[in-house]
């Protein structure tokens, strides 16, 4: 069990707000798949300008993990992938109509139901407060605020949190969506405005464009896209780590969670729960349970009785100020001869000419005097024959 903003979850894995959590049927699929809680698709009132972005271009999703195609064989190996999407902004129903979905979902689900809100950005944000009251009355267990301006994000405004906080008694989760903002500055502002937790970081903002060379056309749709997936995870991890050192409220990590190891990374950097989005598009709802089960096995093997036992464990290892890192450390590459296949990859990409073929031609040798200790060769080695060693 995991306690998050006063809610009791059977595990820390949450199905994130997206088309995959739009209606009652899909929310039930997420629960059956193994989610500890679900966040609905964002709902809110649309301005006249935004109304034209509520429709659904067809097609609007594309998964890519090899060139510009989707290779199921690579998928089975947990391949790195991107999810391109267009037209996934908000639930098309107005809040009054979507309340029926929330009521039905609340009755059908046995796990916590978190409702996502996204409204027009017109101070004093009365639409946010109004939507929050409707969802509270409909039975939501908590609210998550999509803090980005639609159709294109501009900046996070803590006043949105304050408006909702003053309107309802439900737990309020502020979801950060602007990857260029400083979480050390914005996090405390959201906490001060009344957020009970922070979720970071959504992948909605930013422009993305891709080309299908063989077809000689713009990919998916002739427009700018949003893109998510594992490639964005390092940004999410950095946000959570910085927030964990800046605020005193719980955190929910989101973006790029495909395996239980990804979930563990977020927790080790300070998250209490982890949200899954793109992995459901790529692998189906069952991936929620696979991630939860894998995390449970990891915890058992390590002797962790709860998420709290290892939450934030790696924060003390962080050296946020680059200038305080150990510079020019006595570190160089080392080779394990019995593993080396003499493929030449490391030789080809050593910028310092520190790697060469051994006289026996059965391995490589490292010239420590030339080796810069950069570590690139370790990543390039396909058989794990290279490692970085201190020699002082």
Protein backbone atom coordinates (compact mmCIF):
# COMPACT_ATOMS: atom_id res chain seq x y z
CA UNK A 1 0.00 0.00 0.00
CA UNK A 2 1.06 3.58 -0.72
CA UNK A 3 -0.39 6.71 0.83
CA UNK A 4 -0.57 9.68 -1.56
CA UNK A 5 -2.41 12.97 -0.80
CA UNK A 6 -4.55 11.10 1.71
CA UNK A 7 -5.48 8.34 -0.76
CA UNK A 8 -4.57 4.70 -0.15
CA UNK A 9 -3.21 3.00 -3.30
CA UNK A 10 -2.53 -0.73 -3.61
CA UNK A 11 0.67 0.18 -5.49
CA UNK A 12 2.39 3.42 -6.60
CA UNK A 13 1.65 3.01 -10.33
CA UNK A 14 -0.95 5.44 -11.70
CA UNK A 15 -2.47 5.53 -15.19
CA UNK A 16 -1.75 9.08 -16.37
CA UNK A 17 -4.20 11.51 -17.92
CA UNK A 18 -4.52 10.85 -21.67
CA UNK A 19 -6.93 9.41 -24.24
CA UNK A 20 -6.28 6.05 -22.57
CA UNK A 21 -8.22 7.27 -19.50
CA UNK A 22 -11.02 9.05 -21.29
CA UNK A 23 -14.11 6.99 -20.45
CA UNK A 24 -15.33 4.47 -17.90
CA UNK A 25 -14.45 1.48 -20.05
CA UNK A 26 -10.83 2.59 -20.41
CA UNK A 27 -10.54 3.48 -16.74
CA UNK A 28 -11.68 -0.05 -15.90
CA UNK A 29 -9.07 -1.43 -18.31
CA UNK A 30 -6.43 0.52 -16.40
CA UNK A 31 -7.64 -0.89 -13.10
CA UNK A 32 -7.72 -4.43 -14.48
CA UNK A 33 -4.27 -3.85 -15.97
CA UNK A 34 -2.89 -3.26 -12.48
CA UNK A 35 -3.01 0.49 -11.80
CA UNK A 36 -3.06 1.66 -8.20
CA UNK A 37 -5.06 4.75 -9.25
CA UNK A 38 -6.20 6.51 -12.42
CA UNK A 39 -6.18 10.10 -13.68
CA UNK A 40 -8.93 10.98 -16.15
CA UNK A 41 -8.46 12.85 -19.39
CA UNK A 42 -8.38 16.60 -18.77
CA UNK A 43 -11.73 18.34 -18.70
CA UNK A 44 -12.63 22.02 -18.66
CA UNK A 45 -14.28 24.91 -20.44
CA UNK A 46 -12.96 26.03 -23.82
CA UNK A 47 -12.64 29.59 -25.04
CA UNK A 48 -13.82 30.43 -28.57
CA UNK A 49 -10.20 30.41 -29.73
CA UNK A 50 -9.49 27.04 -28.14
CA UNK A 51 -12.66 25.36 -29.31
CA UNK A 52 -11.12 24.62 -32.69
CA UNK A 53 -8.45 22.48 -31.00
CA UNK A 54 -10.93 20.08 -29.38
CA UNK A 55 -11.54 17.95 -32.49
CA UNK A 56 -9.72 14.78 -33.44
CA UNK A 57 -7.48 14.77 -36.53
CA UNK A 58 -7.24 11.33 -38.14
CA UNK A 59 -4.72 9.77 -37.87
CA UNK A 60 -3.19 11.48 -34.82
CA UNK A 61 -0.90 8.91 -33.13
CA UNK A 62 2.26 7.21 -34.31
CA UNK A 63 4.71 5.03 -32.43
CA UNK A 64 8.29 5.02 -33.67
CA UNK A 65 11.19 2.88 -32.49
CA UNK A 66 13.18 2.17 -35.66
CA UNK A 67 13.76 4.78 -38.33
CA UNK A 68 10.24 5.98 -38.93
CA UNK A 69 8.51 2.67 -38.32
CA UNK A 70 7.30 0.58 -35.40
CA UNK A 71 9.10 -2.74 -35.11
CA UNK A 72 7.26 -5.21 -32.83
CA UNK A 73 10.40 -7.35 -32.57
CA UNK A 74 12.31 -4.46 -31.06
CA UNK A 75 9.31 -3.66 -28.90
CA UNK A 76 9.62 -7.06 -27.19
CA UNK A 77 13.14 -6.11 -26.18
CA UNK A 78 11.96 -2.88 -24.54
CA UNK A 79 13.13 -0.67 -27.39
CA UNK A 80 13.52 3.05 -26.98
CA UNK A 81 10.54 4.72 -28.68
CA UNK A 82 8.72 7.98 -29.25
CA UNK A 83 5.00 8.64 -29.32
CA UNK A 84 3.97 11.33 -31.79
CA UNK A 85 0.49 12.74 -31.28
CA UNK A 86 -1.77 15.54 -32.42
CA UNK A 87 -5.19 16.60 -31.26
CA UNK A 88 -5.08 15.15 -27.77
CA UNK A 89 -5.98 18.21 -25.80
CA UNK A 90 -9.04 17.78 -23.58
CA UNK A 91 -12.15 15.66 -23.20
CA UNK A 92 -14.71 17.00 -25.70
CA UNK A 93 -17.52 17.13 -23.14
CA UNK A 94 -18.15 20.24 -21.11
CA UNK A 95 -17.66 19.71 -17.35
CA UNK A 96 -21.40 19.35 -16.72
CA UNK A 97 -21.54 16.41 -19.18
CA UNK A 98 -18.22 14.87 -18.12
CA UNK A 99 -19.49 14.78 -14.54
CA UNK A 100 -21.67 11.85 -15.64
CA UNK A 101 -18.51 9.97 -16.66
CA UNK A 102 -16.91 10.72 -13.29
CA UNK A 103 -19.98 9.53 -11.39
CA UNK A 104 -20.15 6.31 -13.37
CA UNK A 105 -16.41 5.73 -13.00
CA UNK A 106 -16.52 6.34 -9.27
CA UNK A 107 -19.23 3.71 -8.93
CA UNK A 108 -17.43 1.19 -11.13
CA UNK A 109 -13.85 1.55 -9.87
CA UNK A 110 -12.36 0.17 -6.67
CA UNK A 111 -9.18 2.30 -6.94
CA UNK A 112 -8.84 6.08 -6.39
CA UNK A 113 -10.18 8.31 -9.16
CA UNK A 114 -8.22 11.51 -9.84
CA UNK A 115 -9.83 13.97 -12.26
CA UNK A 116 -7.59 16.14 -14.45
CA UNK A 117 -8.62 19.74 -15.11
CA UNK A 118 -7.52 22.02 -17.96
CA UNK A 119 -9.27 25.33 -18.56
CA UNK A 120 -9.00 28.67 -20.29
CA UNK A 121 -6.27 30.97 -19.01
CA UNK A 122 -8.26 34.05 -18.12
CA UNK A 123 -7.67 35.47 -14.61
CA UNK A 124 -9.14 35.15 -12.04
CA UNK A 125 -9.57 31.59 -13.34
CA UNK A 126 -13.22 31.23 -12.38
CA UNK A 127 -13.63 28.38 -14.90
CA UNK A 128 -11.03 26.33 -13.00
CA UNK A 129 -12.86 26.79 -9.71
CA UNK A 130 -16.20 26.03 -11.33
CA UNK A 131 -14.92 22.84 -12.96
CA UNK A 132 -13.31 21.77 -9.69
CA UNK A 133 -16.59 22.13 -7.80
CA UNK A 134 -18.45 20.10 -10.42
CA UNK A 135 -15.90 17.27 -10.27
CA UNK A 136 -15.86 17.29 -6.47
CA UNK A 137 -19.63 16.95 -6.42
CA UNK A 138 -19.44 14.16 -9.02
CA UNK A 139 -17.27 12.08 -6.70
CA UNK A 140 -13.63 12.70 -7.64
CA UNK A 141 -11.16 11.55 -4.98
CA UNK A 142 -8.61 14.22 -5.97
CA UNK A 143 -7.95 16.78 -8.69
CA UNK A 144 -4.90 17.13 -10.93
CA UNK A 145 -4.38 20.51 -12.59
CA UNK A 146 -2.84 20.54 -16.07
CA UNK A 147 -0.91 23.78 -15.62
CA UNK A 148 -0.36 24.66 -19.25
CA UNK A 149 -2.10 27.16 -21.50
CA UNK A 150 -4.01 25.64 -24.39
CA UNK A 151 -3.41 25.24 -27.23
CA UNK A 152 0.26 26.11 -26.61
CA UNK A 153 1.74 26.33 -23.09
CA UNK A 154 3.19 29.65 -22.01
CA UNK A 155 4.06 29.61 -18.32
CA UNK A 156 2.87 28.04 -15.08
CA UNK A 157 0.65 30.30 -12.97
CA UNK A 158 0.33 29.34 -9.27
CA UNK A 159 -2.84 31.45 -9.11
CA UNK A 160 -4.65 28.59 -10.86
CA UNK A 161 -3.78 26.33 -7.94
CA UNK A 162 -4.90 29.00 -5.50
CA UNK A 163 -8.24 29.40 -7.33
CA UNK A 164 -8.99 25.67 -7.16
CA UNK A 165 -7.67 25.29 -3.62
CA UNK A 166 -10.08 27.98 -2.40
CA UNK A 167 -13.01 26.30 -4.18
CA UNK A 168 -12.81 22.68 -3.01
CA UNK A 169 -11.72 20.51 -0.09
CA UNK A 170 -10.32 17.73 -2.30
CA UNK A 171 -6.58 17.10 -2.56
CA UNK A 172 -5.11 19.25 -5.35
CA UNK A 173 -2.19 17.99 -7.45
CA UNK A 174 -0.36 20.58 -9.55
CA UNK A 175 0.99 19.07 -12.79
CA UNK A 176 3.96 20.96 -14.20
CA UNK A 177 4.08 20.97 -18.01
CA UNK A 178 6.73 23.52 -18.99
CA UNK A 179 10.07 21.78 -19.40
CA UNK A 180 12.02 25.04 -19.60
CA UNK A 181 10.92 26.31 -16.19
CA UNK A 182 13.07 26.03 -13.07
CA UNK A 183 11.41 23.53 -10.71
CA UNK A 184 13.43 24.90 -7.78
CA UNK A 185 11.65 28.23 -8.22
CA UNK A 186 8.21 27.11 -9.40
CA UNK A 187 7.78 24.17 -7.00
CA UNK A 188 7.76 26.27 -3.82
CA UNK A 189 5.34 28.73 -5.46
CA UNK A 190 2.91 25.91 -6.21
CA UNK A 191 3.26 24.59 -2.68
CA UNK A 192 2.62 28.05 -1.22
CA UNK A 193 -0.44 28.42 -3.47
CA UNK A 194 -1.98 25.35 -1.81
CA UNK A 195 -0.95 22.34 -3.89
CA UNK A 196 -1.09 19.10 -1.89
CA UNK A 197 1.31 17.42 -4.33
CA UNK A 198 3.19 18.11 -7.57
CA UNK A 199 3.28 15.90 -10.67
CA UNK A 200 6.20 16.41 -13.07
CA UNK A 201 6.69 16.65 -15.88
CA UNK A 202 4.07 16.40 -18.63
CA UNK A 203 5.15 16.17 -22.27
CA UNK A 204 2.53 18.40 -23.86
CA UNK A 205 4.63 21.55 -24.40
CA UNK A 206 6.98 22.22 -27.24
CA UNK A 207 7.02 21.84 -30.99
CA UNK A 208 7.87 18.61 -32.77
CA UNK A 209 8.11 17.86 -36.49
CA UNK A 210 9.00 14.66 -38.31
CA UNK A 211 9.37 13.67 -41.96
CA UNK A 212 8.59 10.44 -43.80
CA UNK A 213 11.43 10.47 -46.33
CA UNK A 214 10.28 7.51 -48.45
CA UNK A 215 6.78 8.93 -48.80
CA UNK A 216 8.22 12.44 -49.24
CA UNK A 217 5.70 14.04 -46.94
CA UNK A 218 5.34 15.39 -43.44
CA UNK A 219 4.73 12.58 -40.99
CA UNK A 220 1.34 11.83 -39.42
CA UNK A 221 -0.23 15.25 -40.07
CA UNK A 222 0.98 18.38 -41.91
CA UNK A 223 1.33 20.23 -38.61
CA UNK A 224 3.48 20.51 -35.50
CA UNK A 225 3.15 17.61 -33.09
CA UNK A 226 3.70 16.77 -29.45
CA UNK A 227 5.97 13.88 -28.60
CA UNK A 228 6.50 11.77 -25.52
CA UNK A 229 8.14 8.55 -24.48
CA UNK A 230 11.33 7.30 -22.85
CA UNK A 231 13.50 9.95 -24.53
CA UNK A 232 11.95 12.55 -22.19
CA UNK A 233 12.49 10.57 -18.97
CA UNK A 234 15.82 12.22 -18.00
CA UNK A 235 14.05 15.59 -17.94
CA UNK A 236 11.30 14.17 -15.74
CA UNK A 237 13.86 12.65 -13.37
CA UNK A 238 15.70 15.96 -13.09
CA UNK A 239 12.45 17.79 -12.31
CA UNK A 240 11.52 15.32 -9.57
CA UNK A 241 14.99 15.45 -8.02
CA UNK A 242 14.99 19.25 -7.93
CA UNK A 243 11.46 19.39 -6.60
CA UNK A 244 12.31 16.87 -3.89
CA UNK A 245 15.03 19.23 -2.66
CA UNK A 246 12.75 22.29 -2.88
CA UNK A 247 9.29 21.36 -1.52
CA UNK A 248 7.77 19.50 1.41
CA UNK A 249 4.76 18.00 -0.38
CA UNK A 250 4.53 14.59 -2.12
CA UNK A 251 5.63 14.16 -5.73
CA UNK A 252 4.34 12.05 -8.60
CA UNK A 253 6.82 11.30 -11.36
CA UNK A 254 5.59 11.11 -14.93
CA UNK A 255 7.10 10.71 -18.41
CA UNK A 256 9.05 7.85 -19.92
CA UNK A 257 8.02 5.13 -17.47
CA UNK A 258 8.09 1.89 -19.46
CA UNK A 259 9.64 -0.62 -17.05
CA UNK A 260 9.72 -1.16 -13.29
CA UNK A 261 13.28 0.14 -13.34
CA UNK A 262 11.98 3.45 -14.67
CA UNK A 263 9.48 3.62 -11.81
CA UNK A 264 12.22 2.83 -9.29
CA UNK A 265 14.35 5.66 -10.70
CA UNK A 266 11.61 8.22 -10.00
CA UNK A 267 11.06 6.90 -6.48
CA UNK A 268 14.80 6.88 -5.69
CA UNK A 269 14.84 10.56 -6.64
CA UNK A 270 11.93 11.51 -4.42
CA UNK A 271 8.62 10.51 -6.01
CA UNK A 272 5.93 8.75 -3.97
CA UNK A 273 3.93 7.63 -7.01
CA UNK A 274 4.72 7.19 -10.70
CA UNK A 275 2.40 7.83 -13.63
CA UNK A 276 2.41 5.82 -16.87
CA UNK A 277 1.23 7.18 -20.23
CA UNK A 278 3.11 6.38 -23.46
CA UNK A 279 3.86 2.81 -22.36
CA UNK A 280 0.12 2.06 -22.46
CA UNK A 281 -0.02 3.24 -26.07
CA UNK A 282 2.94 1.02 -26.92
CA UNK A 283 2.27 -2.04 -24.77
CA UNK A 284 -1.37 -1.96 -23.64
CA UNK A 285 -2.94 -1.62 -20.20
CA UNK A 286 -1.27 -4.77 -18.89
CA UNK A 287 2.01 -2.89 -18.72
CA UNK A 288 0.70 -1.15 -15.57
CA UNK A 289 0.62 -4.44 -13.68
CA UNK A 290 3.94 -5.55 -15.12
CA UNK A 291 5.58 -2.38 -13.83
CA UNK A 292 3.90 -2.72 -10.43
CA UNK A 293 4.84 -6.41 -10.10
CA UNK A 294 8.43 -5.79 -11.16
CA UNK A 295 8.75 -2.99 -8.64
CA UNK A 296 7.32 -5.25 -5.91
CA UNK A 297 9.86 -7.96 -6.72
CA UNK A 298 12.67 -5.41 -6.61
CA UNK A 299 11.49 -4.16 -3.22
CA UNK A 300 11.28 -7.71 -1.87
CA UNK A 301 14.77 -8.56 -3.12
CA UNK A 302 16.19 -5.40 -1.56
CA UNK A 303 14.30 -5.83 1.70
CA UNK A 304 12.24 -2.66 1.29
CA UNK A 305 8.94 -2.95 3.15
CA UNK A 306 7.51 0.20 1.58
CA UNK A 307 8.13 2.86 -1.04
CA UNK A 308 9.16 5.20 1.76
CA UNK A 309 12.07 2.89 2.58
CA UNK A 310 13.94 3.92 -0.57
CA UNK A 311 12.18 7.10 -1.67
CA UNK A 312 14.76 9.80 -2.30
CA UNK A 313 17.65 7.44 -1.60
CA UNK A 314 19.82 8.90 -4.36
CA UNK A 315 19.29 12.58 -3.57
CA UNK A 316 22.36 12.73 -1.34
CA UNK A 317 24.49 11.66 -4.30
CA UNK A 318 23.53 14.74 -6.30
CA UNK A 319 26.04 17.53 -6.83
CA UNK A 320 23.77 20.22 -8.35
CA UNK A 321 26.59 22.73 -8.84
CA UNK A 322 28.71 21.48 -11.75
CA UNK A 323 31.68 23.42 -10.40
CA UNK A 324 31.70 21.22 -7.28
CA UNK A 325 32.20 18.01 -9.23
CA UNK A 326 35.52 16.20 -8.96
CA UNK A 327 37.31 17.47 -12.05
CA UNK A 328 40.19 15.69 -13.80
CA UNK A 329 39.80 12.66 -11.53
CA UNK A 330 42.35 9.84 -11.95
CA UNK A 331 39.98 7.69 -14.01
CA UNK A 332 40.69 5.82 -17.23
CA UNK A 333 39.23 3.03 -19.34
CA UNK A 334 40.16 -0.58 -18.60
CA UNK A 335 39.57 -3.67 -20.73
CA UNK A 336 38.69 -7.21 -19.68
CA UNK A 337 40.56 -9.21 -22.32
CA UNK A 338 38.45 -12.36 -22.12
CA UNK A 339 35.30 -10.44 -23.04
CA UNK A 340 36.74 -8.35 -25.88
CA UNK A 341 35.66 -9.44 -29.38
CA UNK A 342 37.99 -6.99 -31.14
CA UNK A 343 35.08 -5.39 -33.01
CA UNK A 344 36.92 -2.06 -33.23
CA UNK A 345 34.00 0.14 -32.16
CA UNK A 346 35.95 1.66 -29.29
CA UNK A 347 39.02 2.29 -31.45
CA UNK A 348 36.91 4.01 -34.10
CA UNK A 349 35.34 6.49 -31.67
CA UNK A 350 38.20 7.26 -29.29
CA UNK A 351 38.84 10.98 -29.79
CA UNK A 352 42.16 10.72 -27.94
CA UNK A 353 43.72 7.79 -29.87
CA UNK A 354 44.08 5.99 -26.54
CA UNK A 355 42.76 2.60 -27.73
CA UNK A 356 44.55 0.32 -30.14
CA UNK A 357 44.66 -3.32 -31.16
CA UNK A 358 46.76 -5.51 -28.84
CA UNK A 359 49.83 -7.27 -30.34
CA UNK A 360 47.99 -10.57 -29.89
CA UNK A 361 45.11 -9.13 -31.95
CA UNK A 362 42.79 -10.83 -29.46
CA UNK A 363 41.91 -7.72 -27.49
CA UNK A 364 42.55 -3.97 -27.29
CA UNK A 365 44.94 -2.04 -25.12
CA UNK A 366 44.41 1.28 -23.36
CA UNK A 367 47.12 3.94 -23.26
CA UNK A 368 46.39 5.49 -19.86
CA UNK A 369 48.58 8.45 -20.68
CA UNK A 370 46.36 9.38 -23.61
CA UNK A 371 42.98 8.28 -22.15
CA UNK A 372 40.86 11.26 -21.14
CA UNK A 373 38.54 9.14 -18.98
CA UNK A 374 35.49 10.41 -20.89
CA UNK A 375 33.68 7.06 -20.73
CA UNK A 376 32.34 6.99 -24.30
CA UNK A 377 34.03 3.70 -25.12
CA UNK A 378 32.15 1.94 -22.32
CA UNK A 379 28.82 2.91 -23.89
CA UNK A 380 30.00 1.87 -27.34
CA UNK A 381 31.15 -1.61 -26.27
CA UNK A 382 28.56 -4.25 -27.12
CA UNK A 383 29.90 -6.98 -24.83
CA UNK A 384 30.74 -5.17 -21.60
CA UNK A 385 34.48 -5.59 -21.98
CA UNK A 386 35.26 -1.97 -21.07
CA UNK A 387 34.81 -0.15 -17.77
CA UNK A 388 36.08 2.96 -16.05
CA UNK A 389 38.60 2.51 -13.22
CA UNK A 390 40.31 4.80 -10.74
CA UNK A 391 44.06 4.33 -10.74
CA UNK A 392 45.20 6.45 -7.76
